[in-house]
């Protein structure tokens, strides 16, 4: 099942890359994987506190995810602007 999901993700990324370009795919990957990894790491770290009760765990997940997403958005914006600068430098040199 994991191989099937990975295959679908790779095909979607290749189709998206052929439509919009590799630089945009890189920016989208950064915009998805930085908050996702932060959410996973923080939830793993806080799991003993958050998931003592399933109801408290579920109710605390959405605000937790929202705040982590808002906290990581400046980092994502800086990385995406750096990618834009590198892309512009690359096309100027050609």
N, C-alpha and C. Protein backbone atom coordinates (compact mmCIF):
# COMPACT_ATOMS: atom_id res chain seq x y z
N UNK A 1 0.82 -1.19 0.00
CA UNK A 1 0.00 0.00 0.00
C UNK A 1 0.87 1.26 0.00
N UNK A 2 1.95 1.23 0.75
CA UNK A 2 2.84 2.37 0.80
C UNK A 2 3.48 2.63 -0.56
N UNK A 3 3.84 1.58 -1.26
CA UNK A 3 4.43 1.72 -2.58
C UNK A 3 3.42 2.33 -3.54
N UNK A 4 2.17 1.92 -3.44
CA UNK A 4 1.12 2.45 -4.31
C UNK A 4 0.91 3.94 -4.06
N UNK A 5 0.86 4.34 -2.80
CA UNK A 5 0.69 5.76 -2.45
C UNK A 5 1.90 6.56 -2.91
N UNK A 6 3.10 6.02 -2.73
CA UNK A 6 4.30 6.71 -3.19
C UNK A 6 4.30 6.86 -4.70
N UNK A 7 3.86 5.84 -5.40
CA UNK A 7 3.78 5.89 -6.86
C UNK A 7 2.82 6.99 -7.30
N UNK A 8 1.67 7.08 -6.66
CA UNK A 8 0.69 8.11 -7.01
C UNK A 8 1.25 9.50 -6.75
N UNK A 9 1.92 9.67 -5.62
CA UNK A 9 2.51 10.98 -5.30
C UNK A 9 3.57 11.36 -6.32
N UNK A 10 4.40 10.43 -6.72
CA UNK A 10 5.45 10.72 -7.71
C UNK A 10 4.84 11.08 -9.06
N UNK A 11 3.81 10.38 -9.47
CA UNK A 11 3.15 10.68 -10.74
C UNK A 11 2.51 12.06 -10.70
N UNK A 12 1.85 12.39 -9.60
CA UNK A 12 1.23 13.71 -9.47
C UNK A 12 2.29 14.80 -9.49
N UNK A 13 3.41 14.59 -8.79
CA UNK A 13 4.48 15.58 -8.81
C UNK A 13 5.07 15.76 -10.20
N UNK A 14 5.24 14.68 -10.94
CA UNK A 14 5.77 14.80 -12.30
C UNK A 14 4.79 15.52 -13.22
N UNK A 15 3.51 15.24 -13.09
CA UNK A 15 2.53 15.95 -13.90
C UNK A 15 2.48 17.43 -13.54
N UNK A 16 2.54 17.72 -12.26
CA UNK A 16 2.55 19.12 -11.82
C UNK A 16 3.82 19.83 -12.30
N UNK A 17 4.94 19.12 -12.26
CA UNK A 17 6.21 19.71 -12.71
C UNK A 17 6.19 19.97 -14.20
N UNK A 18 5.60 19.09 -14.96
CA UNK A 18 5.55 19.32 -16.40
C UNK A 18 4.61 20.46 -16.75
N UNK A 19 3.63 20.71 -15.90
CA UNK A 19 2.69 21.79 -16.16
C UNK A 19 3.23 23.15 -15.70
N UNK A 20 3.81 23.21 -14.53
CA UNK A 20 4.18 24.51 -13.96
C UNK A 20 5.68 24.74 -13.83
N UNK A 21 6.48 23.71 -13.87
CA UNK A 21 7.93 23.89 -13.77
C UNK A 21 8.47 23.33 -12.47
N UNK A 22 9.76 22.98 -12.53
CA UNK A 22 10.41 22.34 -11.39
C UNK A 22 10.57 23.29 -10.21
N UNK A 23 10.75 24.58 -10.48
CA UNK A 23 10.93 25.52 -9.39
C UNK A 23 9.65 25.64 -8.56
N UNK A 24 8.51 25.65 -9.23
CA UNK A 24 7.24 25.72 -8.51
C UNK A 24 6.98 24.45 -7.69
N UNK A 25 7.36 23.31 -8.24
CA UNK A 25 7.22 22.06 -7.50
C UNK A 25 8.09 22.09 -6.25
N UNK A 26 9.30 22.60 -6.39
CA UNK A 26 10.20 22.71 -5.23
C UNK A 26 9.60 23.63 -4.17
N UNK A 27 9.02 24.74 -4.60
CA UNK A 27 8.39 25.65 -3.65
C UNK A 27 7.19 25.01 -2.96
N UNK A 28 6.39 24.25 -3.69
CA UNK A 28 5.25 23.57 -3.09
C UNK A 28 5.70 22.50 -2.10
N UNK A 29 6.76 21.76 -2.46
CA UNK A 29 7.27 20.74 -1.54
C UNK A 29 7.77 21.37 -0.25
N UNK A 30 8.45 22.50 -0.35
CA UNK A 30 8.92 23.19 0.85
C UNK A 30 7.72 23.66 1.67
N UNK A 31 6.70 24.19 0.99
CA UNK A 31 5.53 24.71 1.69
C UNK A 31 4.74 23.60 2.38
N UNK A 32 4.87 22.38 1.91
CA UNK A 32 4.14 21.27 2.53
C UNK A 32 4.99 20.56 3.59
N UNK A 33 6.25 20.27 3.26
CA UNK A 33 7.04 19.41 4.13
C UNK A 33 7.59 20.09 5.37
N UNK A 34 7.85 21.38 5.34
CA UNK A 34 8.35 22.05 6.56
C UNK A 34 7.26 22.09 7.65
N UNK A 35 6.05 22.59 7.36
CA UNK A 35 5.04 22.53 8.42
C UNK A 35 4.65 21.10 8.81
N UNK A 36 4.60 20.20 7.83
CA UNK A 36 4.24 18.82 8.13
C UNK A 36 5.26 18.17 9.07
N UNK A 37 6.53 18.38 8.79
CA UNK A 37 7.55 17.78 9.67
C UNK A 37 7.53 18.42 11.05
N UNK A 38 7.28 19.73 11.13
CA UNK A 38 7.19 20.38 12.44
C UNK A 38 5.98 19.87 13.22
N UNK A 39 4.87 19.69 12.54
CA UNK A 39 3.66 19.19 13.21
C UNK A 39 3.90 17.77 13.73
N UNK A 40 4.51 16.93 12.92
CA UNK A 40 4.76 15.55 13.34
C UNK A 40 5.73 15.51 14.51
N UNK A 41 6.83 16.26 14.43
CA UNK A 41 7.81 16.25 15.52
C UNK A 41 7.23 16.78 16.83
N UNK A 42 6.48 17.86 16.77
CA UNK A 42 5.92 18.43 18.00
C UNK A 42 4.84 17.52 18.57
N UNK A 43 4.02 16.90 17.71
CA UNK A 43 3.00 16.00 18.23
C UNK A 43 3.61 14.73 18.82
N UNK A 44 4.70 14.26 18.25
CA UNK A 44 5.39 13.11 18.86
C UNK A 44 5.95 13.50 20.22
N UNK A 45 6.52 14.69 20.28
CA UNK A 45 7.12 15.15 21.54
C UNK A 45 6.06 15.37 22.62
N UNK A 46 4.90 15.90 22.23
CA UNK A 46 3.86 16.22 23.20
C UNK A 46 2.81 15.12 23.35
N UNK A 47 3.00 13.99 22.70
CA UNK A 47 2.00 12.92 22.73
C UNK A 47 1.65 12.43 24.13
N UNK A 48 2.61 12.24 25.02
CA UNK A 48 2.21 11.78 26.36
C UNK A 48 1.31 12.77 27.09
N UNK A 49 1.45 14.05 26.81
CA UNK A 49 0.62 15.05 27.47
C UNK A 49 -0.73 15.17 26.77
N UNK A 50 -0.71 15.21 25.43
CA UNK A 50 -1.93 15.47 24.67
C UNK A 50 -2.88 14.29 24.63
N UNK A 51 -2.35 13.08 24.60
CA UNK A 51 -3.19 11.93 24.32
C UNK A 51 -3.47 11.07 25.55
N UNK A 52 -3.48 11.67 26.72
CA UNK A 52 -3.90 10.92 27.90
C UNK A 52 -5.37 10.56 27.78
N UNK A 53 -6.13 11.48 27.26
CA UNK A 53 -7.53 11.23 26.97
C UNK A 53 -7.73 11.44 25.47
N UNK A 54 -8.39 10.52 24.79
CA UNK A 54 -8.59 10.70 23.34
C UNK A 54 -9.36 11.96 22.98
N UNK A 55 -10.31 12.35 23.80
CA UNK A 55 -11.09 13.55 23.51
C UNK A 55 -10.23 14.80 23.61
N UNK A 56 -9.41 14.88 24.63
CA UNK A 56 -8.52 16.03 24.78
C UNK A 56 -7.50 16.05 23.65
N UNK A 57 -7.02 14.89 23.26
CA UNK A 57 -6.06 14.81 22.16
C UNK A 57 -6.65 15.30 20.86
N UNK A 58 -7.87 14.88 20.55
CA UNK A 58 -8.51 15.31 19.30
C UNK A 58 -8.85 16.80 19.32
N UNK A 59 -9.30 17.29 20.46
CA UNK A 59 -9.64 18.71 20.55
C UNK A 59 -8.40 19.61 20.51
N UNK A 60 -7.27 19.09 20.94
CA UNK A 60 -6.07 19.92 20.94
C UNK A 60 -5.29 19.83 19.64
N UNK A 61 -5.62 18.88 18.78
CA UNK A 61 -4.87 18.71 17.53
C UNK A 61 -5.07 19.88 16.57
N UNK A 62 -6.30 20.31 16.36
CA UNK A 62 -6.55 21.37 15.38
C UNK A 62 -5.92 22.70 15.77
N UNK A 63 -6.07 23.19 16.99
CA UNK A 63 -5.36 24.44 17.32
C UNK A 63 -3.84 24.27 17.26
N UNK A 64 -3.37 23.11 17.65
CA UNK A 64 -1.94 22.83 17.60
C UNK A 64 -1.43 22.91 16.17
N UNK A 65 -2.14 22.27 15.25
CA UNK A 65 -1.74 22.28 13.85
C UNK A 65 -1.82 23.69 13.29
N UNK A 66 -2.84 24.44 13.63
CA UNK A 66 -2.99 25.81 13.14
C UNK A 66 -1.84 26.70 13.61
N UNK A 67 -1.50 26.64 14.88
CA UNK A 67 -0.43 27.48 15.41
C UNK A 67 0.93 27.09 14.84
N UNK A 68 1.18 25.81 14.68
CA UNK A 68 2.45 25.37 14.09
C UNK A 68 2.54 25.83 12.64
N UNK A 69 1.44 25.76 11.91
CA UNK A 69 1.42 26.22 10.53
C UNK A 69 1.72 27.72 10.46
N UNK A 70 1.12 28.50 11.35
CA UNK A 70 1.37 29.95 11.37
C UNK A 70 2.80 30.27 11.80
N UNK A 71 3.37 29.48 12.70
CA UNK A 71 4.73 29.73 13.16
C UNK A 71 5.74 29.40 12.06
N UNK A 72 5.50 28.35 11.28
CA UNK A 72 6.45 27.96 10.25
C UNK A 72 6.27 28.74 8.94
N UNK A 73 5.21 29.51 8.80
CA UNK A 73 5.01 30.23 7.54
C UNK A 73 6.10 31.26 7.23
N UNK A 74 6.68 31.99 8.20
CA UNK A 74 7.79 32.88 7.84
C UNK A 74 9.03 32.12 7.33
N UNK A 75 9.29 30.95 7.89
CA UNK A 75 10.42 30.14 7.42
C UNK A 75 10.18 29.68 5.99
N UNK A 76 8.96 29.23 5.71
CA UNK A 76 8.61 28.79 4.36
C UNK A 76 8.71 29.96 3.38
N UNK A 77 8.25 31.13 3.78
CA UNK A 77 8.32 32.30 2.90
C UNK A 77 9.77 32.69 2.60
N UNK A 78 10.64 32.62 3.60
CA UNK A 78 12.05 32.94 3.37
C UNK A 78 12.71 31.94 2.44
N UNK A 79 12.41 30.66 2.61
CA UNK A 79 12.99 29.65 1.73
C UNK A 79 12.46 29.80 0.31
N UNK A 80 11.16 30.08 0.17
CA UNK A 80 10.59 30.27 -1.16
C UNK A 80 11.14 31.52 -1.84
N UNK A 81 11.37 32.59 -1.08
CA UNK A 81 11.97 33.77 -1.70
C UNK A 81 13.42 33.50 -2.09
N UNK A 82 14.13 32.70 -1.30
CA UNK A 82 15.49 32.32 -1.67
C UNK A 82 15.49 31.49 -2.96
N UNK A 83 14.51 30.59 -3.10
CA UNK A 83 14.38 29.80 -4.32
C UNK A 83 14.11 30.72 -5.51
N UNK A 84 13.25 31.73 -5.32
CA UNK A 84 12.99 32.69 -6.40
C UNK A 84 14.24 33.46 -6.79
N UNK A 85 15.04 33.86 -5.80
CA UNK A 85 16.28 34.58 -6.10
C UNK A 85 17.24 33.68 -6.86
N UNK A 86 17.36 32.43 -6.44
CA UNK A 86 18.25 31.50 -7.15
C UNK A 86 17.75 31.22 -8.56
N UNK A 87 16.45 31.13 -8.73
CA UNK A 87 15.89 30.90 -10.06
C UNK A 87 16.17 32.10 -10.96
N UNK A 88 16.01 33.31 -10.42
CA UNK A 88 16.28 34.50 -11.22
C UNK A 88 17.76 34.62 -11.54
N UNK A 89 18.63 34.28 -10.59
CA UNK A 89 20.06 34.29 -10.87
C UNK A 89 20.44 33.27 -11.94
N UNK A 90 19.77 32.11 -11.90
CA UNK A 90 20.04 31.07 -12.87
C UNK A 90 19.66 31.54 -14.28
N UNK A 91 18.52 32.20 -14.41
CA UNK A 91 18.08 32.62 -15.72
C UNK A 91 18.82 33.85 -16.21
N UNK A 92 19.34 34.67 -15.31
CA UNK A 92 20.15 35.82 -15.72
C UNK A 92 21.49 35.34 -16.26
N UNK A 93 22.07 34.32 -15.66
CA UNK A 93 23.38 33.82 -16.10
C UNK A 93 23.32 33.17 -17.47
N UNK A 94 22.18 32.66 -17.86
CA UNK A 94 22.08 31.99 -19.16
C UNK A 94 22.04 33.00 -20.20
